[in-house]
Full PDB file with SEQRES, HELIX, SHEET, SSBOND, CRYST1, ORIGX, SCALE, CONECT and MASTER records, all heavy atoms in Angstrom:
SEQRES   1 A   39  ILE VAL LYS SER TYR LYS LEU PRO GLN GLY GLU LYS THR          
SEQRES   2 A   39  MET LEU ASN VAL ARG LYS SER ASP LEU GLY ALA ALA GLY          
SEQRES   3 A   39  VAL TYR SER TYR THR VAL GLN ARG GLU GLY ASN LEU LEU          
HELIX    1 AA1 LYS A   19  LEU A   22  1                                   4    
SHEET    1 AA1 2 GLN A  33  ARG A  34  0                                        
SHEET    2 AA1 2 ASN A  37  LEU A  38 -1                                        
CRYST1    1.000    1.000    1.000  90.00  90.00  90.00 P 1           1          
ORIGX1      1.000000  0.000000  0.000000        0.00000                         
ORIGX2      0.000000  1.000000  0.000000        0.00000                         
ORIGX3      0.000000  0.000000  1.000000        0.00000                         
SCALE1      1.000000  0.000000  0.000000        0.00000                         
SCALE2      0.000000  1.000000  0.000000        0.00000                         
SCALE3      0.000000  0.000000  1.000000        0.00000                         
ATOM      1  N   ILE A   1       6.978  -4.567  -7.330  1.00  0.00           N  
ATOM      2  CA  ILE A   1       6.462  -3.552  -6.393  1.00  0.00           C  
ATOM      3  C   ILE A   1       6.557  -2.194  -7.116  1.00  0.00           C  
ATOM      4  O   ILE A   1       7.614  -1.756  -7.529  1.00  0.00           O  
ATOM      5  CB  ILE A   1       7.206  -3.537  -5.073  1.00  0.00           C  
ATOM      6  CG1 ILE A   1       7.067  -4.838  -4.384  1.00  0.00           C  
ATOM      7  CG2 ILE A   1       6.738  -2.391  -4.208  1.00  0.00           C  
ATOM      8  CD1 ILE A   1       7.835  -4.968  -3.068  1.00  0.00           C  
ATOM      9  N   VAL A   2       5.379  -1.444  -7.215  1.00  0.00           N  
ATOM     10  CA  VAL A   2       5.436  -0.118  -7.803  1.00  0.00           C  
ATOM     11  C   VAL A   2       5.307   0.928  -6.737  1.00  0.00           C  
ATOM     12  O   VAL A   2       5.634   2.104  -6.984  1.00  0.00           O  
ATOM     13  CB  VAL A   2       4.272  -0.032  -8.822  1.00  0.00           C  
ATOM     14  CG1 VAL A   2       4.478  -0.936 -10.004  1.00  0.00           C  
ATOM     15  CG2 VAL A   2       2.930  -0.231  -8.181  1.00  0.00           C  
ATOM     16  N   LYS A   3       4.845   0.603  -5.554  1.00  0.00           N  
ATOM     17  CA  LYS A   3       4.704   1.597  -4.464  1.00  0.00           C  
ATOM     18  C   LYS A   3       4.675   0.875  -3.137  1.00  0.00           C  
ATOM     19  O   LYS A   3       4.005  -0.169  -3.042  1.00  0.00           O  
ATOM     20  CB  LYS A   3       3.504   2.436  -4.700  1.00  0.00           C  
ATOM     21  CG  LYS A   3       3.426   3.674  -3.811  1.00  0.00           C  
ATOM     22  CD  LYS A   3       4.365   4.732  -4.169  1.00  0.00           C  
ATOM     23  CE  LYS A   3       4.178   6.018  -3.399  1.00  0.00           C  
ATOM     24  NZ  LYS A   3       5.179   7.107  -3.759  1.00  0.00           N  
ATOM     25  N   SER A   4       5.267   1.416  -2.101  1.00  0.00           N  
ATOM     26  CA  SER A   4       5.209   0.899  -0.722  1.00  0.00           C  
ATOM     27  C   SER A   4       4.898   2.009   0.231  1.00  0.00           C  
ATOM     28  O   SER A   4       5.303   3.156   0.020  1.00  0.00           O  
ATOM     29  CB  SER A   4       6.543   0.248  -0.331  1.00  0.00           C  
ATOM     30  OG  SER A   4       6.827  -0.879  -1.207  1.00  0.00           O  
ATOM     31  N   TYR A   5       4.146   1.665   1.265  1.00  0.00           N  
ATOM     32  CA  TYR A   5       3.737   2.649   2.286  1.00  0.00           C  
ATOM     33  C   TYR A   5       4.019   2.103   3.628  1.00  0.00           C  
ATOM     34  O   TYR A   5       3.530   0.985   3.982  1.00  0.00           O  
ATOM     35  CB  TYR A   5       2.263   2.949   2.174  1.00  0.00           C  
ATOM     36  CG  TYR A   5       1.820   3.507   0.809  1.00  0.00           C  
ATOM     37  CD1 TYR A   5       1.446   2.576  -0.196  1.00  0.00           C  
ATOM     38  CD2 TYR A   5       1.749   4.875   0.552  1.00  0.00           C  
ATOM     39  CE1 TYR A   5       1.037   3.062  -1.404  1.00  0.00           C  
ATOM     40  CE2 TYR A   5       1.319   5.309  -0.693  1.00  0.00           C  
ATOM     41  CZ  TYR A   5       0.991   4.396  -1.720  1.00  0.00           C  
ATOM     42  OH  TYR A   5       0.516   4.821  -2.922  1.00  0.00           O  
ATOM     43  N   LYS A   6       4.690   2.787   4.501  1.00  0.00           N  
ATOM     44  CA  LYS A   6       4.913   2.432   5.897  1.00  0.00           C  
ATOM     45  C   LYS A   6       3.814   3.086   6.679  1.00  0.00           C  
ATOM     46  O   LYS A   6       3.668   4.300   6.679  1.00  0.00           O  
ATOM     47  CB  LYS A   6       6.337   2.899   6.328  1.00  0.00           C  
ATOM     48  CG  LYS A   6       6.658   2.497   7.747  1.00  0.00           C  
ATOM     49  CD  LYS A   6       7.035   1.017   7.778  1.00  0.00           C  
ATOM     50  CE  LYS A   6       7.598   0.639   9.195  1.00  0.00           C  
ATOM     51  NZ  LYS A   6       7.955  -0.778   9.280  1.00  0.00           N  
ATOM     52  N   LEU A   7       3.014   2.272   7.455  1.00  0.00           N  
ATOM     53  CA  LEU A   7       1.893   2.823   8.157  1.00  0.00           C  
ATOM     54  C   LEU A   7       2.331   3.413   9.462  1.00  0.00           C  
ATOM     55  O   LEU A   7       3.274   3.002  10.141  1.00  0.00           O  
ATOM     56  CB  LEU A   7       0.828   1.738   8.351  1.00  0.00           C  
ATOM     57  CG  LEU A   7       0.295   1.052   7.150  1.00  0.00           C  
ATOM     58  CD1 LEU A   7      -0.859   0.145   7.512  1.00  0.00           C  
ATOM     59  CD2 LEU A   7      -0.216   2.077   6.111  1.00  0.00           C  
ATOM     60  N   PRO A   8       1.603   4.452   9.904  1.00  0.00           N  
ATOM     61  CA  PRO A   8       1.908   5.065  11.241  1.00  0.00           C  
ATOM     62  C   PRO A   8       1.411   4.203  12.341  1.00  0.00           C  
ATOM     63  O   PRO A   8       0.575   3.317  12.137  1.00  0.00           O  
ATOM     64  CB  PRO A   8       1.140   6.413  11.159  1.00  0.00           C  
ATOM     65  CG  PRO A   8      -0.011   6.108  10.290  1.00  0.00           C  
ATOM     66  CD  PRO A   8       0.529   5.156   9.207  1.00  0.00           C  
ATOM     67  N   GLN A   9       1.923   4.414  13.557  1.00  0.00           N  
ATOM     68  CA  GLN A   9       1.368   3.699  14.666  1.00  0.00           C  
ATOM     69  C   GLN A   9      -0.026   4.079  15.039  1.00  0.00           C  
ATOM     70  O   GLN A   9      -0.495   5.152  14.623  1.00  0.00           O  
ATOM     71  CB  GLN A   9       2.311   3.962  15.887  1.00  0.00           C  
ATOM     72  CG  GLN A   9       3.735   3.434  15.737  1.00  0.00           C  
ATOM     73  CD  GLN A   9       4.492   3.615  17.029  1.00  0.00           C  
ATOM     74  OE1 GLN A   9       3.978   4.003  18.117  1.00  0.00           O  
ATOM     75  NE2 GLN A   9       5.769   3.258  16.989  1.00  0.00           N  
ATOM     76  N   GLY A  10      -0.726   3.253  15.691  1.00  0.00           N  
ATOM     77  CA  GLY A  10      -2.121   3.446  16.021  1.00  0.00           C  
ATOM     78  C   GLY A  10      -2.952   2.310  15.562  1.00  0.00           C  
ATOM     79  O   GLY A  10      -2.486   1.346  14.932  1.00  0.00           O  
ATOM     80  N   GLU A  11      -4.249   2.344  15.827  1.00  0.00           N  
ATOM     81  CA  GLU A  11      -5.165   1.240  15.503  1.00  0.00           C  
ATOM     82  C   GLU A  11      -5.773   1.355  14.141  1.00  0.00           C  
ATOM     83  O   GLU A  11      -6.302   0.386  13.582  1.00  0.00           O  
ATOM     84  CB  GLU A  11      -6.268   1.078  16.587  1.00  0.00           C  
ATOM     85  CG  GLU A  11      -5.691   0.666  17.917  1.00  0.00           C  
ATOM     86  CD  GLU A  11      -6.812   0.349  18.912  1.00  0.00           C  
ATOM     87  OE1 GLU A  11      -8.001   0.656  18.626  1.00  0.00           O  
ATOM     88  OE2 GLU A  11      -6.488  -0.170  19.998  1.00  0.00           O  
ATOM     89  N   LYS A  12      -5.898   2.593  13.580  1.00  0.00           N  
ATOM     90  CA  LYS A  12      -6.510   2.691  12.231  1.00  0.00           C  
ATOM     91  C   LYS A  12      -5.873   3.886  11.517  1.00  0.00           C  
ATOM     92  O   LYS A  12      -5.306   4.851  12.128  1.00  0.00           O  
ATOM     93  CB  LYS A  12      -7.959   2.859  12.348  1.00  0.00           C  
ATOM     94  CG  LYS A  12      -8.444   4.007  13.197  1.00  0.00           C  
ATOM     95  CD  LYS A  12      -9.986   3.945  13.327  1.00  0.00           C  
ATOM     96  CE  LYS A  12     -10.546   5.021  14.251  1.00  0.00           C  
ATOM     97  NZ  LYS A  12     -11.990   4.990  14.272  1.00  0.00           N  
ATOM     98  N   THR A  13      -5.905   3.877  10.141  1.00  0.00           N  
ATOM     99  CA  THR A  13      -5.391   4.923   9.338  1.00  0.00           C  
ATOM    100  C   THR A  13      -6.127   4.865   8.002  1.00  0.00           C  
ATOM    101  O   THR A  13      -6.684   3.895   7.618  1.00  0.00           O  
ATOM    102  CB  THR A  13      -3.824   4.758   9.122  1.00  0.00           C  
ATOM    103  OG1 THR A  13      -3.324   5.951   8.548  1.00  0.00           O  
ATOM    104  CG2 THR A  13      -3.510   3.647   8.304  1.00  0.00           C  
ATOM    105  N   MET A  14      -5.943   5.974   7.274  1.00  0.00           N  
ATOM    106  CA  MET A  14      -6.436   6.051   5.867  1.00  0.00           C  
ATOM    107  C   MET A  14      -5.263   6.322   4.943  1.00  0.00           C  
ATOM    108  O   MET A  14      -4.480   7.260   5.238  1.00  0.00           O  
ATOM    109  CB  MET A  14      -7.451   7.145   5.716  1.00  0.00           C  
ATOM    110  CG  MET A  14      -8.085   7.214   4.316  1.00  0.00           C  
ATOM    111  SD  MET A  14      -9.205   8.600   3.987  1.00  0.00           S  
ATOM    112  CE  MET A  14      -8.043   9.948   3.942  1.00  0.00           C  
ATOM    113  N   LEU A  15      -5.117   5.561   3.863  1.00  0.00           N  
ATOM    114  CA  LEU A  15      -3.987   5.627   2.917  1.00  0.00           C  
ATOM    115  C   LEU A  15      -4.521   6.055   1.619  1.00  0.00           C  
ATOM    116  O   LEU A  15      -5.452   5.411   1.096  1.00  0.00           O  
ATOM    117  CB  LEU A  15      -3.299   4.283   2.875  1.00  0.00           C  
ATOM    118  CG  LEU A  15      -2.020   4.198   2.065  1.00  0.00           C  
ATOM    119  CD1 LEU A  15      -0.933   4.989   2.636  1.00  0.00           C  
ATOM    120  CD2 LEU A  15      -1.586   2.721   1.939  1.00  0.00           C  
ATOM    121  N   ASN A  16      -3.986   7.133   1.051  1.00  0.00           N  
ATOM    122  CA  ASN A  16      -4.380   7.599  -0.276  1.00  0.00           C  
ATOM    123  C   ASN A  16      -3.528   7.014  -1.306  1.00  0.00           C  
ATOM    124  O   ASN A  16      -2.267   7.079  -1.183  1.00  0.00           O  
ATOM    125  CB  ASN A  16      -4.288   9.147  -0.355  1.00  0.00           C  
ATOM    126  CG  ASN A  16      -5.340   9.868   0.439  1.00  0.00           C  
ATOM    127  OD1 ASN A  16      -6.508   9.447   0.501  1.00  0.00           O  
ATOM    128  ND2 ASN A  16      -4.972  10.936   1.171  1.00  0.00           N  
ATOM    129  N   VAL A  17      -4.076   6.435  -2.332  1.00  0.00           N  
ATOM    130  CA  VAL A  17      -3.317   5.853  -3.494  1.00  0.00           C  
ATOM    131  C   VAL A  17      -3.795   6.563  -4.710  1.00  0.00           C  
ATOM    132  O   VAL A  17      -4.969   6.473  -5.075  1.00  0.00           O  
ATOM    133  CB  VAL A  17      -3.563   4.316  -3.558  1.00  0.00           C  
ATOM    134  CG1 VAL A  17      -2.785   3.767  -4.776  1.00  0.00           C  
ATOM    135  CG2 VAL A  17      -3.124   3.628  -2.301  1.00  0.00           C  
ATOM    136  N   ARG A  18      -2.877   7.184  -5.332  1.00  0.00           N  
ATOM    137  CA  ARG A  18      -3.262   8.030  -6.567  1.00  0.00           C  
ATOM    138  C   ARG A  18      -2.788   7.237  -7.853  1.00  0.00           C  
ATOM    139  O   ARG A  18      -1.821   6.489  -7.795  1.00  0.00           O  
ATOM    140  CB  ARG A  18      -2.587   9.307  -6.569  1.00  0.00           C  
ATOM    141  CG  ARG A  18      -3.163  10.260  -5.440  1.00  0.00           C  
ATOM    142  CD  ARG A  18      -2.378  11.604  -5.411  1.00  0.00           C  
ATOM    143  NE  ARG A  18      -3.047  12.514  -4.509  1.00  0.00           N  
ATOM    144  CZ  ARG A  18      -2.854  12.486  -3.159  1.00  0.00           C  
ATOM    145  NH1 ARG A  18      -2.047  11.652  -2.620  1.00  0.00           N  
ATOM    146  NH2 ARG A  18      -3.538  13.371  -2.415  1.00  0.00           N  
ATOM    147  N   LYS A  19      -3.493   7.524  -8.925  1.00  0.00           N  
ATOM    148  CA  LYS A  19      -3.103   6.905 -10.165  1.00  0.00           C  
ATOM    149  C   LYS A  19      -1.699   7.305 -10.539  1.00  0.00           C  
ATOM    150  O   LYS A  19      -0.945   6.512 -11.088  1.00  0.00           O  
ATOM    151  CB  LYS A  19      -4.032   7.367 -11.271  1.00  0.00           C  
ATOM    152  CG  LYS A  19      -3.783   6.789 -12.684  1.00  0.00           C  
ATOM    153  CD  LYS A  19      -4.748   7.223 -13.697  1.00  0.00           C  
ATOM    154  CE  LYS A  19      -4.411   6.672 -15.025  1.00  0.00           C  
ATOM    155  NZ  LYS A  19      -5.452   7.081 -16.074  1.00  0.00           N  
ATOM    156  N   SER A  20      -1.307   8.553 -10.181  1.00  0.00           N  
ATOM    157  CA  SER A  20       0.087   8.978 -10.487  1.00  0.00           C  
ATOM    158  C   SER A  20       1.133   8.202  -9.737  1.00  0.00           C  
ATOM    159  O   SER A  20       2.262   8.054 -10.154  1.00  0.00           O  
ATOM    160  CB  SER A  20       0.192  10.465 -10.195  1.00  0.00           C  
ATOM    161  OG  SER A  20      -0.088  10.744  -8.773  1.00  0.00           O  
ATOM    162  N   ASP A  21       0.683   7.633  -8.553  1.00  0.00           N  
ATOM    163  CA  ASP A  21       1.579   6.780  -7.760  1.00  0.00           C  
ATOM    164  C   ASP A  21       1.891   5.477  -8.468  1.00  0.00           C  
ATOM    165  O   ASP A  21       2.959   4.829  -8.447  1.00  0.00           O  
ATOM    166  CB  ASP A  21       1.055   6.492  -6.388  1.00  0.00           C  
ATOM    167  CG  ASP A  21       0.852   7.696  -5.539  1.00  0.00           C  
ATOM    168  OD1 ASP A  21       1.662   8.653  -5.743  1.00  0.00           O  
ATOM    169  OD2 ASP A  21       0.000   7.704  -4.654  1.00  0.00           O  
ATOM    170  N   LEU A  22       0.936   4.954  -9.283  1.00  0.00           N  
ATOM    171  CA  LEU A  22       1.017   3.672  -9.912  1.00  0.00           C  
ATOM    172  C   LEU A  22       1.661   3.832 -11.308  1.00  0.00           C  
ATOM    173  O   LEU A  22       2.236   2.880 -11.799  1.00  0.00           O  
ATOM    174  CB  LEU A  22      -0.399   3.066 -10.061  1.00  0.00           C  
ATOM    175  CG  LEU A  22      -1.177   2.885  -8.814  1.00  0.00           C  
ATOM    176  CD1 LEU A  22      -2.592   2.320  -9.079  1.00  0.00           C  
ATOM    177  CD2 LEU A  22      -0.460   2.073  -7.757  1.00  0.00           C  
ATOM    178  N   GLY A  23       1.497   4.959 -11.881  1.00  0.00           N  
ATOM    179  CA  GLY A  23       2.139   5.216 -13.189  1.00  0.00           C  
ATOM    180  C   GLY A  23       1.252   4.991 -14.416  1.00  0.00           C  
ATOM    181  O   GLY A  23       1.470   5.623 -15.454  1.00  0.00           O  
ATOM    182  N   ALA A  24       0.169   4.237 -14.318  1.00  0.00           N  
ATOM    183  CA  ALA A  24      -0.704   3.985 -15.483  1.00  0.00           C  
ATOM    184  C   ALA A  24      -1.943   3.242 -15.034  1.00  0.00           C  
ATOM    185  O   ALA A  24      -2.007   2.699 -13.873  1.00  0.00           O  
ATOM    186  CB  ALA A  24       0.040   3.088 -16.531  1.00  0.00           C  
ATOM    187  N   ALA A  25      -2.978   3.258 -15.887  1.00  0.00           N  
ATOM    188  CA  ALA A  25      -4.171   2.535 -15.633  1.00  0.00           C  
ATOM    189  C   ALA A  25      -3.839   0.998 -15.650  1.00  0.00           C  
ATOM    190  O   ALA A  25      -2.878   0.547 -16.352  1.00  0.00           O  
ATOM    191  CB  ALA A  25      -5.248   2.853 -16.606  1.00  0.00           C  
ATOM    192  N   GLY A  26      -4.603   0.159 -14.940  1.00  0.00           N  
ATOM    193  CA  GLY A  26      -4.434  -1.280 -14.988  1.00  0.00           C  
ATOM    194  C   GLY A  26      -4.930  -1.932 -13.734  1.00  0.00           C  
ATOM    195  O   GLY A  26      -5.597  -1.332 -12.838  1.00  0.00           O  
ATOM    196  N   VAL A  27      -4.631  -3.201 -13.624  1.00  0.00           N  
ATOM    197  CA  VAL A  27      -5.007  -4.016 -12.425  1.00  0.00           C  
ATOM    198  C   VAL A  27      -3.739  -4.205 -11.598  1.00  0.00           C  
ATOM    199  O   VAL A  27      -2.653  -4.578 -12.061  1.00  0.00           O  
ATOM    200  CB  VAL A  27      -5.593  -5.367 -12.814  1.00  0.00           C  
ATOM    201  CG1 VAL A  27      -5.947  -6.202 -11.653  1.00  0.00           C  
ATOM    202  CG2 VAL A  27      -6.689  -5.233 -13.841  1.00  0.00           C  
ATOM    203  N   TYR A  28      -3.901  -3.911 -10.342  1.00  0.00           N  
ATOM    204  CA  TYR A  28      -2.771  -4.050  -9.371  1.00  0.00           C  
ATOM    205  C   TYR A  28      -3.264  -4.857  -8.178  1.00  0.00           C  
ATOM    206  O   TYR A  28      -4.475  -4.977  -7.923  1.00  0.00           O  
ATOM    207  CB  TYR A  28      -2.349  -2.622  -8.848  1.00  0.00           C  
ATOM    208  CG  TYR A  28      -1.801  -1.764  -9.969  1.00  0.00           C  
ATOM    209  CD1 TYR A  28      -2.670  -1.001 -10.745  1.00  0.00           C  
ATOM    210  CD2 TYR A  28      -0.401  -1.704 -10.200  1.00  0.00           C  
ATOM    211  CE1 TYR A  28      -2.155  -0.208 -11.809  1.00  0.00           C  
ATOM    212  CE2 TYR A  28       0.088  -0.864 -11.243  1.00  0.00           C  
ATOM    213  CZ  TYR A  28      -0.797  -0.105 -12.015  1.00  0.00           C  
ATOM    214  OH  TYR A  28      -0.309   0.662 -12.998  1.00  0.00           O  
ATOM    215  N   SER A  29      -2.320  -5.422  -7.495  1.00  0.00           N  
ATOM    216  CA  SER A  29      -2.613  -6.168  -6.239  1.00  0.00           C  
ATOM    217  C   SER A  29      -1.905  -5.477  -5.057  1.00  0.00           C  
ATOM    218  O   SER A  29      -0.894  -4.779  -5.324  1.00  0.00           O  
ATOM    219  CB  SER A  29      -2.216  -7.616  -6.318  1.00  0.00           C  
ATOM    220  OG  SER A  29      -0.848  -7.755  -6.596  1.00  0.00           O  
ATOM    221  N   TYR A  30      -2.403  -5.643  -3.865  1.00  0.00           N  
ATOM    222  CA  TYR A  30      -1.682  -5.064  -2.762  1.00  0.00           C  
ATOM    223  C   TYR A  30      -1.618  -6.093  -1.606  1.00  0.00           C  
ATOM    224  O   TYR A  30      -2.445  -7.097  -1.552  1.00  0.00           O  
ATOM    225  CB  TYR A  30      -2.501  -3.843  -2.180  1.00  0.00           C  
ATOM    226  CG  TYR A  30      -3.783  -4.155  -1.495  1.00  0.00           C  
ATOM    227  CD1 TYR A  30      -3.903  -4.592  -0.229  1.00  0.00           C  
ATOM    228  CD2 TYR A  30      -5.002  -4.030  -2.295  1.00  0.00           C  
ATOM    229  CE1 TYR A  30      -5.157  -4.831   0.361  1.00  0.00           C  
ATOM    230  CE2 TYR A  30      -6.227  -4.353  -1.667  1.00  0.00           C  
ATOM    231  CZ  TYR A  30      -6.276  -4.672  -0.399  1.00  0.00           C  
ATOM    232  OH  TYR A  30      -7.487  -4.989   0.159  1.00  0.00           O  
ATOM    233  N   THR A  31      -0.602  -6.022  -0.840  1.00  0.00           N  
ATOM    234  CA  THR A  31      -0.446  -6.895   0.367  1.00  0.00           C  
ATOM    235  C   THR A  31      -0.213  -6.047   1.546  1.00  0.00           C  
ATOM    236  O   THR A  31       0.360  -4.888   1.488  1.00  0.00           O  
ATOM    237  CB  THR A  31       0.802  -7.845   0.213  1.00  0.00           C  
ATOM    238  OG1 THR A  31       1.989  -7.082   0.029  1.00  0.00           O  
ATOM    239  CG2 THR A  31       0.550  -8.785  -1.017  1.00  0.00           C  
ATOM    240  N   VAL A  32      -0.712  -6.425   2.694  1.00  0.00           N  
ATOM    241  CA  VAL A  32      -0.461  -5.773   3.967  1.00  0.00           C  
ATOM    242  C   VAL A  32       0.367  -6.727   4.746  1.00  0.00           C  
ATOM    243  O   VAL A  32      -0.078  -7.902   5.019  1.00  0.00           O  
ATOM    244  CB  VAL A  32      -1.805  -5.456   4.710  1.00  0.00           C  
ATOM    245  CG1 VAL A  32      -1.522  -4.672   6.009  1.00  0.00           C  
ATOM    246  CG2 VAL A  32      -2.732  -4.642   3.840  1.00  0.00           C  
ATOM    247  N   GLN A  33       1.564  -6.321   5.166  1.00  0.00           N  
ATOM    248  CA  GLN A  33       2.491  -7.241   5.815  1.00  0.00           C  
ATOM    249  C   GLN A  33       3.088  -6.602   7.096  1.00  0.00           C  
ATOM    250  O   GLN A  33       3.233  -5.406   7.185  1.00  0.00           O  
ATOM    251  CB  GLN A  33       3.717  -7.527   4.870  1.00  0.00           C  
ATOM    252  CG  GLN A  33       3.318  -8.196   3.559  1.00  0.00           C  
ATOM    253  CD  GLN A  33       4.534  -8.468   2.690  1.00  0.00           C  
ATOM    254  OE1 GLN A  33       5.660  -8.511   3.157  1.00  0.00           O  
ATOM    255  NE2 GLN A  33       4.295  -8.629   1.384  1.00  0.00           N  
ATOM    256  N   ARG A  34       3.357  -7.442   8.036  1.00  0.00           N  
ATOM    257  CA  ARG A  34       4.110  -7.039   9.238  1.00  0.00           C  
ATOM    258  C   ARG A  34       5.379  -7.895   9.358  1.00  0.00           C  
ATOM    259  O   ARG A  34       5.276  -9.083   9.466  1.00  0.00           O  
ATOM    260  CB  ARG A  34       3.227  -7.214  10.484  1.00  0.00           C  
ATOM    261  CG  ARG A  34       4.048  -6.863  11.750  1.00  0.00           C  
ATOM    262  CD  ARG A  34       3.196  -7.051  13.003  1.00  0.00           C  
ATOM    263  NE  ARG A  34       2.381  -5.837  13.299  1.00  0.00           N  
ATOM    264  CZ  ARG A  34       1.057  -5.861  13.402  1.00  0.00           C  
ATOM    265  NH1 ARG A  34       0.393  -7.020  13.209  1.00  0.00           N  
ATOM    266  NH2 ARG A  34       0.383  -4.781  13.663  1.00  0.00           N  
ATOM    267  N   GLU A  35       6.492  -7.235   9.192  1.00  0.00           N  
ATOM    268  CA  GLU A  35       7.792  -7.918   9.266  1.00  0.00           C  
ATOM    269  C   GLU A  35       7.881  -9.146   8.313  1.00  0.00           C  
ATOM    270  O   GLU A  35       8.353 -10.223   8.676  1.00  0.00           O  
ATOM    271  CB  GLU A  35       8.062  -8.369  10.751  1.00  0.00           C  
ATOM    272  CG  GLU A  35       8.226  -7.210  11.635  1.00  0.00           C  
ATOM    273  CD  GLU A  35       8.496  -7.576  13.122  1.00  0.00           C  
ATOM    274  OE1 GLU A  35       8.243  -8.797  13.425  1.00  0.00           O  
ATOM    275  OE2 GLU A  35       8.877  -6.757  13.869  1.00  0.00           O  
ATOM    276  N   GLY A  36       7.342  -8.925   7.110  1.00  0.00           N  
ATOM    277  CA  GLY A  36       7.395  -9.991   6.120  1.00  0.00           C  
ATOM    278  C   GLY A  36       6.282 -11.003   6.127  1.00  0.00           C  
ATOM    279  O   GLY A  36       6.208 -11.844   5.226  1.00  0.00           O  
ATOM    280  N   ASN A  37       5.420 -10.927   7.159  1.00  0.00           N  
ATOM    281  CA  ASN A  37       4.280 -11.898   7.272  1.00  0.00           C  
ATOM    282  C   ASN A  37       3.046 -11.258   6.616  1.00  0.00           C  
ATOM    283  O   ASN A  37       2.729 -10.122   6.900  1.00  0.00           O  
ATOM    284  CB  ASN A  37       4.071 -12.236   8.722  1.00  0.00           C  
ATOM    285  CG  ASN A  37       5.137 -13.024   9.378  1.00  0.00           C  
ATOM    286  OD1 ASN A  37       5.687 -13.949   8.778  1.00  0.00           O  
ATOM    287  ND2 ASN A  37       5.506 -12.631  10.578  1.00  0.00           N  
ATOM    288  N   LEU A  38       2.406 -12.039   5.782  1.00  0.00           N  
ATOM    289  CA  LEU A  38       1.207 -11.554   5.043  1.00  0.00           C  
ATOM    290  C   LEU A  38       0.043 -11.487   6.035  1.00  0.00           C  
ATOM    291  O   LEU A  38      -0.298 -12.473   6.637  1.00  0.00           O  
ATOM    292  CB  LEU A  38       0.880 -12.491   3.896  1.00  0.00           C  
ATOM    293  CG  LEU A  38      -0.342 -12.081   3.030  1.00  0.00           C  
ATOM    294  CD1 LEU A  38      -0.057 -10.746   2.301  1.00  0.00           C  
ATOM    295  CD2 LEU A  38      -0.639 -13.152   2.047  1.00  0.00           C  
ATOM    296  N   LEU A  39      -0.591 -10.323   6.068  1.00  0.00           N  
ATOM    297  CA  LEU A  39      -1.764 -10.138   6.923  1.00  0.00           C  
ATOM    298  C   LEU A  39      -3.065 -10.041   6.085  1.00  0.00           C  
ATOM    299  O   LEU A  39      -4.065 -10.709   6.364  1.00  0.00           O  
ATOM    300  CB  LEU A  39      -1.661  -8.908   7.738  1.00  0.00           C  
ATOM    301  CG  LEU A  39      -0.417  -8.731   8.649  1.00  0.00           C  
ATOM    302  CD1 LEU A  39      -0.431  -7.387   9.379  1.00  0.00           C  
ATOM    303  CD2 LEU A  39      -0.381  -9.890   9.628  1.00  0.00           C  
TER     304      LEU A  39                                                      
MASTER        0    0    0    1    2    0    0    6  303    1    0    3          
END                                                                             
């Protein structure tokens, strides 16, 4: 894991992910989870 984001309450949101957050160019994967369950 290189970065984690806790989402705010509500039905929708926009999340900014910057290259500086990842550290370098490359291929990354993301998961959206609720209490450990993959959504």
